[in-house]
Amino acid sequence: MKYLNIETGKKVYDFLRRYISPAYIMMFIAAFVLWYITKLGETYTTEHEVTVVIDGTPYTLDCTIRGKGTDLIGYTMSSRRSSFTISSSELTYEQDIPKGDGVIQRHISTVSLQQALAARMSDIEVVAVGSIPPIAMKVSTKTSQDNTDDNNGDSREMTN
């Protein structure tokens, strides 16, 4: 098998140059760039993996997002725009499951998570979010002095 060398490359280049004009190649490249820019101006819906940090614990979930192609490229190419910090106080929970030893499992409402992400992704629309695993939270008992200060008389406090 014969390998390509510089002389063979020059022969191919000279052959193509005889039949294809440099102006034609430049116009072909310009047409491709303009077509690509036009297509990026349309609205697309896609799946995107997002890292959500809730009270210091990172979770990875899939989101369905919709927006202009230029905005979507920014989110898919930049890891900085794919990680969001959300406080647990911003979220609502569907259910609490006691696990014993003062620990409960809290399931985050997907609607509240979607709204929290939508507030952080202002230039695109968050169509849907994937499920996030339950969050384990410790329940500690307050002292009797703290109970008298509470308006509702609840003797439990949620801490991480």
Protein backbone atom coordinates (compact mmCIF):
# COMPACT_ATOMS: atom_id res chain seq x y z
CA MET A 1 0.00 0.00 0.00
CA LYS A 2 1.39 3.33 -1.00
CA TYR A 3 1.18 6.19 1.48
CA LEU A 4 0.17 9.70 0.52
CA ASN A 5 3.02 12.15 0.48
CA ILE A 6 3.36 15.88 -0.14
CA GLU A 7 3.85 15.47 -3.87
CA THR A 8 0.60 13.49 -4.21
CA GLY A 9 -1.23 16.19 -2.23
CA LYS A 10 0.11 18.88 -4.53
CA LYS A 11 -1.03 16.93 -7.60
CA VAL A 12 -4.56 16.58 -6.17
CA TYR A 13 -4.65 20.29 -5.26
CA ASP A 14 -3.52 21.32 -8.75
CA PHE A 15 -6.11 19.02 -10.36
CA LEU A 16 -8.95 20.44 -8.24
CA ARG A 17 -7.81 24.01 -8.74
CA ARG A 18 -8.09 23.58 -12.52
CA TYR A 19 -11.78 22.63 -12.22
CA ILE A 20 -13.02 24.46 -9.09
CA SER A 21 -12.73 28.22 -8.75
CA PRO A 22 -11.60 29.73 -5.41
CA ALA A 23 -14.52 32.17 -5.68
CA TYR A 24 -16.91 29.21 -5.86
CA ILE A 25 -15.41 27.73 -2.68
CA MET A 26 -15.71 31.08 -0.86
CA MET A 27 -19.35 31.47 -1.90
CA PHE A 28 -20.08 27.89 -0.84
CA ILE A 29 -18.61 28.57 2.62
CA ALA A 30 -20.53 31.87 2.91
CA ALA A 31 -23.80 30.15 1.98
CA PHE A 32 -23.19 27.45 4.59
CA VAL A 33 -22.50 30.03 7.32
CA LEU A 34 -25.63 32.04 6.45
CA TRP A 35 -27.78 28.90 6.37
CA TYR A 36 -26.42 27.86 9.79
CA ILE A 37 -27.11 31.29 11.31
CA THR A 38 -30.66 31.23 9.91
CA LYS A 39 -31.32 27.78 11.38
CA LEU A 40 -30.03 28.85 14.80
CA GLY A 41 -32.67 31.60 14.90
CA GLU A 42 -35.51 29.05 15.01
CA THR A 43 -37.05 27.59 18.19
CA TYR A 44 -36.01 24.10 19.27
CA THR A 45 -36.87 21.73 22.11
CA THR A 46 -34.15 19.48 23.50
CA GLU A 47 -33.09 17.39 26.49
CA HIS A 48 -30.32 18.90 28.63
CA GLU A 49 -28.53 17.51 31.67
CA VAL A 50 -28.51 19.99 34.56
CA THR A 51 -26.72 19.88 37.91
CA VAL A 52 -28.86 21.24 40.74
CA VAL A 53 -27.16 21.98 44.07
CA ILE A 54 -29.72 21.92 46.89
CA ASP A 55 -28.28 23.04 50.22
CA GLY A 56 -24.79 21.93 49.23
CA THR A 57 -25.75 18.53 47.77
CA PRO A 58 -25.44 18.21 43.97
CA TYR A 59 -28.05 16.28 41.98
CA THR A 60 -27.97 15.58 38.24
CA LEU A 61 -31.25 15.52 36.36
CA ASP A 62 -32.53 15.75 32.80
CA CYS A 63 -34.52 18.81 31.75
CA THR A 64 -36.54 19.42 28.62
CA ILE A 65 -35.84 22.98 27.51
CA ARG A 66 -37.16 25.11 24.64
CA GLY A 67 -35.63 28.22 23.13
CA LYS A 68 -33.82 29.78 20.20
CA GLY A 69 -30.96 27.76 18.81
CA THR A 70 -28.41 30.43 19.75
CA ASP A 71 -29.55 30.40 23.40
CA LEU A 72 -29.63 26.59 23.55
CA ILE A 73 -26.07 26.36 22.27
CA GLY A 74 -25.00 28.61 25.14
CA TYR A 75 -26.53 26.22 27.68
CA THR A 76 -25.25 23.04 26.07
CA MET A 77 -21.69 24.28 25.48
CA SER A 78 -21.13 26.02 28.83
CA SER A 79 -20.84 23.98 32.01
CA ARG A 80 -21.19 27.21 34.02
CA ARG A 81 -24.71 27.65 32.67
CA SER A 82 -25.61 24.03 33.46
CA SER A 83 -25.22 24.18 37.23
CA PHE A 84 -27.70 25.95 39.50
CA THR A 85 -27.78 26.48 43.28
CA ILE A 86 -31.24 26.31 44.83
CA SER A 87 -32.14 26.70 48.49
CA SER A 88 -34.48 24.10 49.96
CA SER A 89 -36.68 26.95 51.25
CA GLU A 90 -37.56 27.82 47.61
CA LEU A 91 -38.96 24.33 46.97
CA THR A 92 -42.17 22.62 48.01
CA TYR A 93 -42.34 18.97 48.94
CA GLU A 94 -44.88 16.34 47.96
CA GLN A 95 -44.43 14.00 50.89
CA ASP A 96 -42.29 13.26 53.94
CA ILE A 97 -41.40 9.65 54.71
CA PRO A 98 -40.02 8.93 58.21
CA LYS A 99 -37.01 6.61 58.11
CA GLY A 100 -36.29 6.38 61.85
CA ASP A 101 -33.32 7.70 63.87
CA GLY A 102 -34.60 11.26 63.41
CA VAL A 103 -34.27 11.16 59.62
CA ILE A 104 -37.03 11.78 57.08
CA GLN A 105 -37.02 11.47 53.29
CA ARG A 106 -38.50 14.48 51.49
CA HIS A 107 -39.70 14.26 47.88
CA ILE A 108 -39.38 17.54 45.98
CA SER A 109 -42.34 18.63 43.88
CA THR A 110 -41.26 18.65 40.22
CA VAL A 111 -43.40 21.73 39.59
CA SER A 112 -41.57 23.77 42.24
CA LEU A 113 -38.20 22.56 40.92
CA GLN A 114 -39.26 23.50 37.38
CA GLN A 115 -40.28 26.99 38.56
CA ALA A 116 -36.99 27.46 40.45
CA LEU A 117 -34.99 26.48 37.36
CA ALA A 118 -37.14 28.66 35.09
CA ALA A 119 -36.33 31.67 37.28
CA ARG A 120 -32.61 31.00 36.73
CA MET A 121 -32.89 30.23 32.98
CA SER A 122 -34.52 33.48 31.93
CA ASP A 123 -33.79 33.31 28.20
CA ILE A 124 -35.16 29.80 27.65
CA GLU A 125 -38.28 27.93 28.72
CA VAL A 126 -38.07 24.93 31.04
CA VAL A 127 -40.70 22.54 29.69
CA ALA A 128 -40.18 19.64 32.10
CA VAL A 129 -37.70 18.37 34.67
CA GLY A 130 -36.75 14.82 35.50
CA SER A 131 -37.26 13.27 38.89
CA ILE A 132 -34.82 14.00 41.66
CA PRO A 133 -34.03 11.45 44.37
CA PRO A 134 -35.54 12.01 47.81
CA ILE A 135 -33.58 14.26 50.16
CA ALA A 136 -32.70 12.89 53.59
CA MET A 137 -33.13 15.46 56.37
CA LYS A 138 -32.50 15.17 60.10
CA VAL A 139 -35.21 16.10 62.54
CA SER A 140 -33.97 17.45 65.86
CA THR A 141 -36.06 18.09 68.97
CA LYS A 142 -36.00 21.59 70.45
CA THR A 143 -35.56 22.28 74.14
CA SER A 144 -38.60 23.18 76.23
CA GLN A 145 -37.47 26.85 76.34
CA ASP A 146 -37.52 27.00 72.54
CA ASN A 147 -41.03 25.49 72.49
CA THR A 148 -42.45 28.39 74.47
CA ASP A 149 -41.04 30.82 71.91
CA ASP A 150 -42.79 29.09 68.98
CA ASN A 151 -46.10 30.50 67.81
CA ASN A 152 -47.35 27.16 66.53
CA GLY A 153 -46.04 24.98 69.35
CA ASP A 154 -44.26 22.59 66.96
CA SER A 155 -41.55 20.66 68.76
CA ARG A 156 -39.55 19.67 65.67
CA GLU A 157 -37.07 21.65 63.63
CA MET A 158 -35.81 20.76 60.16
CA THR A 159 -32.03 20.93 59.73
CA ASN A 160 -29.59 19.51 57.24
